[in-house]
Amino acid sequence: MRRVVKPGGKVAVMVYAALERNPYHSIFQETVRQLGDIPWPARGEPWMFALGGPGVLEGLYRETGFQNVSVHAAPIPRGFPSAVAAVGNMRKAAGDLKELITQLNKVDQERAWAEIAEQFKRFEGPNGFEIPGEVLIGVGTK
């Protein structure tokens, strides 16, 4: 992106913050990886939380020559009528989630969904299912 932006131009990105700041995904990731004995991505390996660790996004901007770098956390809460509805939404997801769970056999996939649903119950309240989340918004100038 730095190569194609004009001098003085800005590049802004939004990435997921660290996995632990996103329980909607961390519950899924931890459950599936534990059931399938699936290793976590190695540091530097691309995945949806690769840039979310402390200082990682800012460091990448600076390493690639951007100036006036700023990174700010922003909340992204998710809400559904119930934990069951949240799991239903997650089951329809594509990308990283689908790719990960398909590494389990059918029996373990259903065990994973049941465990995720159970853990999601702690986020149910009078307004339905509400779970916190966080993204990082980074900006740098060429």
N, C-alpha and C. Protein backbone atom coordinates (compact mmCIF):
# COMPACT_ATOMS: atom_id res chain seq x y z
N MET A 1 0.83 -1.19 0.00
CA MET A 1 0.00 0.00 0.00
C MET A 1 0.87 1.26 0.00
N ARG A 2 1.99 1.20 0.69
CA ARG A 2 2.86 2.37 0.73
C ARG A 2 3.37 2.71 -0.66
N ARG A 3 3.66 1.70 -1.45
CA ARG A 3 4.20 1.93 -2.80
C ARG A 3 3.23 2.72 -3.67
N VAL A 4 1.94 2.49 -3.55
CA VAL A 4 0.98 3.12 -4.46
C VAL A 4 0.35 4.41 -3.92
N VAL A 5 0.54 4.71 -2.66
CA VAL A 5 -0.02 5.97 -2.14
C VAL A 5 0.92 7.12 -2.50
N LYS A 6 0.34 8.27 -2.82
CA LYS A 6 1.12 9.45 -3.19
C LYS A 6 1.85 10.00 -1.97
N PRO A 7 2.97 10.67 -2.18
CA PRO A 7 3.66 11.31 -1.06
C PRO A 7 2.70 12.24 -0.30
N GLY A 8 2.71 12.13 1.00
CA GLY A 8 1.80 12.91 1.84
C GLY A 8 0.45 12.23 2.02
N GLY A 9 0.21 11.18 1.25
CA GLY A 9 -1.05 10.43 1.39
C GLY A 9 -1.05 9.55 2.62
N LYS A 10 -2.23 9.17 3.02
CA LYS A 10 -2.39 8.35 4.22
C LYS A 10 -2.92 6.97 3.86
N VAL A 11 -2.52 6.01 4.66
CA VAL A 11 -3.06 4.66 4.55
C VAL A 11 -3.67 4.32 5.91
N ALA A 12 -4.93 3.94 5.87
CA ALA A 12 -5.64 3.55 7.09
C ALA A 12 -6.10 2.11 6.96
N VAL A 13 -5.99 1.38 8.06
CA VAL A 13 -6.45 0.00 8.09
C VAL A 13 -7.21 -0.25 9.38
N MET A 14 -8.04 -1.26 9.32
CA MET A 14 -8.73 -1.73 10.52
C MET A 14 -8.47 -3.22 10.63
N VAL A 15 -7.93 -3.66 11.77
CA VAL A 15 -7.64 -5.07 12.00
C VAL A 15 -8.21 -5.46 13.36
N TYR A 16 -8.40 -6.74 13.54
CA TYR A 16 -8.83 -7.21 14.86
C TYR A 16 -7.72 -6.98 15.87
N ALA A 17 -8.10 -6.54 17.07
CA ALA A 17 -7.17 -6.45 18.19
C ALA A 17 -6.82 -7.89 18.60
N ALA A 18 -6.00 -8.03 19.61
CA ALA A 18 -5.57 -9.35 20.08
C ALA A 18 -6.76 -10.26 20.34
N LEU A 19 -6.54 -11.53 20.15
CA LEU A 19 -7.59 -12.54 20.29
C LEU A 19 -8.31 -12.43 21.63
N GLU A 20 -7.57 -12.21 22.70
CA GLU A 20 -8.21 -12.15 24.03
C GLU A 20 -9.15 -10.96 24.19
N ARG A 21 -9.07 -9.99 23.29
CA ARG A 21 -9.97 -8.83 23.32
C ARG A 21 -11.24 -9.09 22.51
N ASN A 22 -11.33 -10.29 21.93
CA ASN A 22 -12.45 -10.65 21.05
C ASN A 22 -13.01 -12.02 21.42
N PRO A 23 -13.77 -12.10 22.51
CA PRO A 23 -14.24 -13.41 22.96
C PRO A 23 -15.16 -14.13 21.97
N TYR A 24 -15.84 -13.40 21.10
CA TYR A 24 -16.68 -14.06 20.09
C TYR A 24 -15.82 -15.03 19.28
N HIS A 25 -14.62 -14.60 18.95
CA HIS A 25 -13.71 -15.44 18.18
C HIS A 25 -12.82 -16.30 19.07
N SER A 26 -12.40 -15.78 20.23
CA SER A 26 -11.47 -16.55 21.06
C SER A 26 -12.13 -17.81 21.61
N ILE A 27 -13.40 -17.74 21.96
CA ILE A 27 -14.09 -18.94 22.44
C ILE A 27 -14.10 -19.99 21.34
N PHE A 28 -14.41 -19.59 20.13
CA PHE A 28 -14.41 -20.51 19.00
C PHE A 28 -13.01 -21.10 18.78
N GLN A 29 -12.02 -20.22 18.67
CA GLN A 29 -10.65 -20.66 18.38
C GLN A 29 -10.14 -21.63 19.44
N GLU A 30 -10.29 -21.28 20.71
CA GLU A 30 -9.79 -22.11 21.78
C GLU A 30 -10.50 -23.46 21.82
N THR A 31 -11.80 -23.46 21.64
CA THR A 31 -12.58 -24.70 21.68
C THR A 31 -12.18 -25.63 20.55
N VAL A 32 -12.16 -25.13 19.34
CA VAL A 32 -11.87 -25.96 18.17
C VAL A 32 -10.42 -26.45 18.20
N ARG A 33 -9.51 -25.57 18.52
CA ARG A 33 -8.10 -25.97 18.53
C ARG A 33 -7.83 -27.02 19.61
N GLN A 34 -8.48 -26.88 20.76
CA GLN A 34 -8.29 -27.85 21.83
C GLN A 34 -8.88 -29.21 21.44
N LEU A 35 -10.09 -29.21 20.93
CA LEU A 35 -10.72 -30.48 20.53
C LEU A 35 -9.94 -31.19 19.43
N GLY A 36 -9.42 -30.45 18.50
CA GLY A 36 -8.72 -31.05 17.37
C GLY A 36 -7.22 -31.12 17.54
N ASP A 37 -6.72 -30.67 18.71
CA ASP A 37 -5.28 -30.61 18.93
C ASP A 37 -4.61 -29.90 17.75
N ILE A 38 -5.20 -28.76 17.38
CA ILE A 38 -4.73 -27.96 16.24
C ILE A 38 -3.82 -26.86 16.77
N PRO A 39 -2.61 -26.77 16.26
CA PRO A 39 -1.69 -25.75 16.77
C PRO A 39 -2.13 -24.33 16.40
N TRP A 40 -1.72 -23.39 17.23
CA TRP A 40 -1.96 -21.98 16.95
C TRP A 40 -1.02 -21.52 15.84
N PRO A 41 -1.41 -20.52 15.07
CA PRO A 41 -0.50 -19.99 14.04
C PRO A 41 0.80 -19.50 14.67
N ALA A 42 1.89 -19.73 13.99
CA ALA A 42 3.19 -19.25 14.46
C ALA A 42 3.25 -17.73 14.34
N ARG A 43 4.06 -17.13 15.15
CA ARG A 43 4.25 -15.67 15.08
C ARG A 43 4.65 -15.29 13.66
N GLY A 44 3.99 -14.28 13.12
CA GLY A 44 4.27 -13.81 11.77
C GLY A 44 3.47 -14.52 10.69
N GLU A 45 2.83 -15.61 11.05
CA GLU A 45 2.00 -16.33 10.07
C GLU A 45 0.69 -15.55 9.87
N PRO A 46 0.22 -15.43 8.63
CA PRO A 46 -1.01 -14.66 8.43
C PRO A 46 -2.24 -15.39 8.99
N TRP A 47 -3.02 -14.64 9.73
CA TRP A 47 -4.33 -15.09 10.18
C TRP A 47 -5.06 -13.86 10.69
N MET A 48 -6.31 -13.99 11.06
CA MET A 48 -7.13 -12.82 11.32
C MET A 48 -6.70 -11.99 12.54
N PHE A 49 -5.84 -12.51 13.40
CA PHE A 49 -5.38 -11.76 14.57
C PHE A 49 -3.88 -11.48 14.52
N ALA A 50 -3.26 -11.66 13.38
CA ALA A 50 -1.81 -11.52 13.25
C ALA A 50 -1.29 -10.13 13.60
N LEU A 51 -2.08 -9.09 13.37
CA LEU A 51 -1.61 -7.72 13.61
C LEU A 51 -2.17 -7.12 14.90
N GLY A 52 -2.86 -7.93 15.70
CA GLY A 52 -3.57 -7.41 16.86
C GLY A 52 -2.79 -7.32 18.15
N GLY A 53 -1.62 -7.93 18.21
CA GLY A 53 -0.83 -7.90 19.44
C GLY A 53 -0.29 -6.51 19.73
N PRO A 54 0.10 -6.27 20.97
CA PRO A 54 0.62 -4.95 21.34
C PRO A 54 1.81 -4.53 20.48
N GLY A 55 1.68 -3.40 19.83
CA GLY A 55 2.76 -2.82 19.04
C GLY A 55 2.97 -3.41 17.67
N VAL A 56 2.27 -4.49 17.31
CA VAL A 56 2.53 -5.16 16.03
C VAL A 56 2.13 -4.28 14.85
N LEU A 57 0.92 -3.75 14.84
CA LEU A 57 0.47 -2.92 13.72
C LEU A 57 1.30 -1.65 13.61
N GLU A 58 1.53 -0.99 14.72
CA GLU A 58 2.35 0.22 14.71
C GLU A 58 3.75 -0.09 14.19
N GLY A 59 4.32 -1.19 14.64
CA GLY A 59 5.65 -1.58 14.18
C GLY A 59 5.70 -1.82 12.68
N LEU A 60 4.67 -2.44 12.15
CA LEU A 60 4.62 -2.71 10.71
C LEU A 60 4.57 -1.41 9.92
N TYR A 61 3.75 -0.47 10.37
CA TYR A 61 3.71 0.84 9.71
C TYR A 61 5.11 1.47 9.71
N ARG A 62 5.74 1.49 10.86
CA ARG A 62 7.05 2.15 10.97
C ARG A 62 8.12 1.42 10.16
N GLU A 63 8.11 0.09 10.20
CA GLU A 63 9.10 -0.70 9.45
C GLU A 63 8.99 -0.46 7.95
N THR A 64 7.80 -0.16 7.47
CA THR A 64 7.61 0.05 6.04
C THR A 64 7.73 1.51 5.63
N GLY A 65 8.16 2.36 6.57
CA GLY A 65 8.49 3.72 6.22
C GLY A 65 7.41 4.77 6.40
N PHE A 66 6.31 4.43 7.04
CA PHE A 66 5.26 5.43 7.27
C PHE A 66 5.66 6.36 8.40
N GLN A 67 5.15 7.58 8.33
CA GLN A 67 5.38 8.61 9.35
C GLN A 67 4.05 8.92 10.03
N ASN A 68 4.13 9.67 11.12
CA ASN A 68 2.93 10.12 11.84
C ASN A 68 1.96 8.94 12.07
N VAL A 69 2.51 7.85 12.53
CA VAL A 69 1.72 6.63 12.74
C VAL A 69 0.90 6.76 14.01
N SER A 70 -0.35 6.37 13.91
CA SER A 70 -1.19 6.28 15.11
C SER A 70 -2.05 5.02 15.01
N VAL A 71 -2.23 4.39 16.15
CA VAL A 71 -3.06 3.19 16.24
C VAL A 71 -3.97 3.38 17.46
N HIS A 72 -5.27 3.23 17.21
CA HIS A 72 -6.25 3.40 18.28
C HIS A 72 -7.16 2.19 18.35
N ALA A 73 -7.49 1.79 19.55
CA ALA A 73 -8.44 0.69 19.75
C ALA A 73 -9.86 1.25 19.68
N ALA A 74 -10.75 0.47 19.10
CA ALA A 74 -12.17 0.86 19.02
C ALA A 74 -13.02 -0.37 19.35
N PRO A 75 -14.05 -0.17 20.17
CA PRO A 75 -14.91 -1.31 20.51
C PRO A 75 -15.78 -1.74 19.33
N ILE A 76 -16.02 -3.03 19.22
CA ILE A 76 -16.96 -3.57 18.23
C ILE A 76 -17.82 -4.63 18.91
N PRO A 77 -18.72 -4.20 19.76
CA PRO A 77 -19.57 -5.20 20.42
C PRO A 77 -20.49 -5.87 19.41
N ARG A 78 -20.84 -7.11 19.68
CA ARG A 78 -21.77 -7.85 18.83
C ARG A 78 -22.99 -8.16 19.67
N GLY A 79 -24.14 -8.14 19.01
CA GLY A 79 -25.37 -8.47 19.70
C GLY A 79 -26.25 -9.37 18.86
N PHE A 80 -26.89 -10.30 19.52
CA PHE A 80 -27.84 -11.22 18.89
C PHE A 80 -28.99 -11.42 19.86
N PRO A 81 -30.12 -11.88 19.38
CA PRO A 81 -31.25 -12.11 20.29
C PRO A 81 -30.92 -13.11 21.40
N SER A 82 -30.01 -14.05 21.12
CA SER A 82 -29.68 -15.09 22.11
C SER A 82 -28.32 -15.70 21.76
N ALA A 83 -27.79 -16.50 22.69
CA ALA A 83 -26.56 -17.24 22.43
C ALA A 83 -26.76 -18.23 21.29
N VAL A 84 -27.94 -18.83 21.23
CA VAL A 84 -28.26 -19.77 20.15
C VAL A 84 -28.19 -19.06 18.80
N ALA A 85 -28.72 -17.85 18.73
CA ALA A 85 -28.67 -17.08 17.49
C ALA A 85 -27.23 -16.71 17.12
N ALA A 86 -26.41 -16.41 18.13
CA ALA A 86 -25.00 -16.08 17.88
C ALA A 86 -24.27 -17.29 17.30
N VAL A 87 -24.52 -18.46 17.86
CA VAL A 87 -23.89 -19.68 17.34
C VAL A 87 -24.39 -19.96 15.92
N GLY A 88 -25.69 -19.76 15.69
CA GLY A 88 -26.24 -19.95 14.35
C GLY A 88 -25.56 -19.05 13.33
N ASN A 89 -25.31 -17.81 13.71
CA ASN A 89 -24.61 -16.89 12.82
C ASN A 89 -23.19 -17.36 12.56
N MET A 90 -22.53 -17.80 13.61
CA MET A 90 -21.16 -18.26 13.48
C MET A 90 -21.07 -19.51 12.60
N ARG A 91 -22.05 -20.37 12.70
CA ARG A 91 -22.05 -21.60 11.90
C ARG A 91 -22.14 -21.30 10.40
N LYS A 92 -22.71 -20.16 10.05
CA LYS A 92 -22.84 -19.77 8.64
C LYS A 92 -21.60 -19.04 8.12
N ALA A 93 -20.66 -18.75 9.00
CA ALA A 93 -19.48 -17.96 8.62
C ALA A 93 -18.61 -18.69 7.62
N ALA A 94 -17.93 -17.91 6.84
CA ALA A 94 -16.97 -18.45 5.88
C ALA A 94 -15.57 -18.08 6.37
N GLY A 95 -14.60 -18.35 5.56
CA GLY A 95 -13.24 -17.91 5.87
C GLY A 95 -12.56 -18.72 6.95
N ASP A 96 -11.84 -18.01 7.83
CA ASP A 96 -11.01 -18.66 8.85
C ASP A 96 -11.80 -19.60 9.75
N LEU A 97 -13.01 -19.19 10.15
CA LEU A 97 -13.78 -20.03 11.06
C LEU A 97 -14.15 -21.35 10.41
N LYS A 98 -14.67 -21.26 9.21
CA LYS A 98 -15.08 -22.48 8.51
C LYS A 98 -13.88 -23.37 8.23
N GLU A 99 -12.80 -22.76 7.80
CA GLU A 99 -11.60 -23.53 7.49
C GLU A 99 -11.09 -24.28 8.72
N LEU A 100 -11.14 -23.63 9.87
CA LEU A 100 -10.64 -24.25 11.09
C LEU A 100 -11.52 -25.41 11.54
N ILE A 101 -12.83 -25.19 11.60
CA ILE A 101 -13.70 -26.23 12.14
C ILE A 101 -13.80 -27.44 11.22
N THR A 102 -13.58 -27.26 9.93
CA THR A 102 -13.63 -28.41 9.03
C THR A 102 -12.43 -29.34 9.21
N GLN A 103 -11.47 -28.93 10.02
CA GLN A 103 -10.37 -29.83 10.35
C GLN A 103 -10.78 -30.88 11.38
N LEU A 104 -11.95 -30.68 11.99
CA LEU A 104 -12.48 -31.66 12.95
C LEU A 104 -13.38 -32.65 12.23
N ASN A 105 -13.50 -33.86 12.77
CA ASN A 105 -14.48 -34.79 12.23
C ASN A 105 -15.88 -34.31 12.63
N LYS A 106 -16.91 -34.86 12.05
CA LYS A 106 -18.30 -34.40 12.27
C LYS A 106 -18.71 -34.46 13.74
N VAL A 107 -18.33 -35.52 14.43
CA VAL A 107 -18.69 -35.66 15.85
C VAL A 107 -18.04 -34.54 16.66
N ASP A 108 -16.76 -34.30 16.44
CA ASP A 108 -16.07 -33.24 17.17
C ASP A 108 -16.56 -31.85 16.78
N GLN A 109 -16.98 -31.69 15.52
CA GLN A 109 -17.57 -30.41 15.13
C GLN A 109 -18.81 -30.13 15.97
N GLU A 110 -19.67 -31.11 16.13
CA GLU A 110 -20.88 -30.91 16.93
C GLU A 110 -20.55 -30.70 18.40
N ARG A 111 -19.53 -31.40 18.90
CA ARG A 111 -19.07 -31.17 20.28
C ARG A 111 -18.58 -29.74 20.44
N ALA A 112 -17.86 -29.25 19.45
CA ALA A 112 -17.35 -27.88 19.50
C ALA A 112 -18.50 -26.88 19.53
N TRP A 113 -19.49 -27.05 18.65
CA TRP A 113 -20.62 -26.12 18.62
C TRP A 113 -21.37 -26.13 19.95
N ALA A 114 -21.53 -27.30 20.55
CA ALA A 114 -22.22 -27.39 21.84
C ALA A 114 -21.43 -26.67 22.93
N GLU A 115 -20.12 -26.84 22.94
CA GLU A 115 -19.27 -26.17 23.92
C GLU A 115 -19.28 -24.65 23.72
N ILE A 116 -19.21 -24.22 22.48
CA ILE A 116 -19.25 -22.78 22.18
C ILE A 116 -20.59 -22.20 22.66
N ALA A 117 -21.68 -22.88 22.37
CA ALA A 117 -23.01 -22.41 22.81
C ALA A 117 -23.06 -22.30 24.32
N GLU A 118 -22.49 -23.27 25.00
CA GLU A 118 -22.48 -23.25 26.47
C GLU A 118 -21.68 -22.05 26.99
N GLN A 119 -20.53 -21.81 26.41
CA GLN A 119 -19.71 -20.68 26.85
C GLN A 119 -20.35 -19.34 26.50
N PHE A 120 -21.06 -19.29 25.39
CA PHE A 120 -21.73 -18.05 24.99
C PHE A 120 -22.85 -17.66 25.96
N LYS A 121 -23.39 -18.61 26.68
CA LYS A 121 -24.51 -18.31 27.60
C LYS A 121 -24.14 -17.25 28.63
N ARG A 122 -22.88 -17.17 28.97
CA ARG A 122 -22.49 -16.17 29.99
C ARG A 122 -22.61 -14.73 29.48
N PHE A 123 -22.81 -14.58 28.18
CA PHE A 123 -22.98 -13.24 27.60
C PHE A 123 -24.45 -12.90 27.35
N GLU A 124 -25.34 -13.76 27.80
CA GLU A 124 -26.78 -13.49 27.66
C GLU A 124 -27.26 -12.67 28.85
N GLY A 125 -28.15 -11.75 28.56
CA GLY A 125 -28.72 -10.91 29.60
C GLY A 125 -30.10 -10.45 29.19
N PRO A 126 -30.61 -9.45 29.88
CA PRO A 126 -31.97 -8.97 29.58
C PRO A 126 -32.12 -8.41 28.17
N ASN A 127 -31.03 -8.00 27.55
CA ASN A 127 -31.08 -7.47 26.18
C ASN A 127 -30.66 -8.50 25.14
N GLY A 128 -30.59 -9.75 25.52
CA GLY A 128 -30.17 -10.79 24.59
C GLY A 128 -28.70 -11.10 24.78
N PHE A 129 -28.06 -11.48 23.71
CA PHE A 129 -26.64 -11.86 23.72
C PHE A 129 -25.82 -10.63 23.36
N GLU A 130 -24.95 -10.22 24.25
CA GLU A 130 -24.07 -9.07 24.01
C GLU A 130 -22.65 -9.47 24.40
N ILE A 131 -21.75 -9.36 23.43
CA ILE A 131 -20.37 -9.77 23.66
C ILE A 131 -19.44 -8.66 23.18
N PRO A 132 -18.42 -8.35 23.98
CA PRO A 132 -17.50 -7.28 23.57
C PRO A 132 -16.56 -7.74 22.47
N GLY A 133 -15.95 -6.79 21.84
CA GLY A 133 -14.92 -7.03 20.84
C GLY A 133 -14.14 -5.76 20.62
N GLU A 134 -13.03 -5.88 19.92
CA GLU A 134 -12.20 -4.70 19.71
C GLU A 134 -11.42 -4.82 18.41
N VAL A 135 -11.32 -3.71 17.72
CA VAL A 135 -10.47 -3.60 16.53
C VAL A 135 -9.42 -2.53 16.78
N LEU A 136 -8.40 -2.53 15.95
CA LEU A 136 -7.40 -1.48 15.96
C LEU A 136 -7.50 -0.74 14.64
N ILE A 137 -7.47 0.58 14.73
CA ILE A 137 -7.50 1.43 13.54
C ILE A 137 -6.14 2.11 13.46
N GLY A 138 -5.44 1.80 12.40
CA GLY A 138 -4.10 2.36 12.22
C GLY A 138 -4.08 3.32 11.04
N VAL A 139 -3.27 4.39 11.19
CA VAL A 139 -3.11 5.37 10.12
C VAL A 139 -1.63 5.75 10.07
N GLY A 140 -1.13 5.87 8.85
CA GLY A 140 0.24 6.32 8.64
C GLY A 140 0.31 7.18 7.39
N THR A 141 1.26 8.08 7.36
CA THR A 141 1.45 9.01 6.23
C THR A 141 2.73 8.66 5.51
N LYS A 142 2.65 8.68 4.17
CA LYS A 142 3.84 8.42 3.35
C LYS A 142 4.69 9.67 3.27
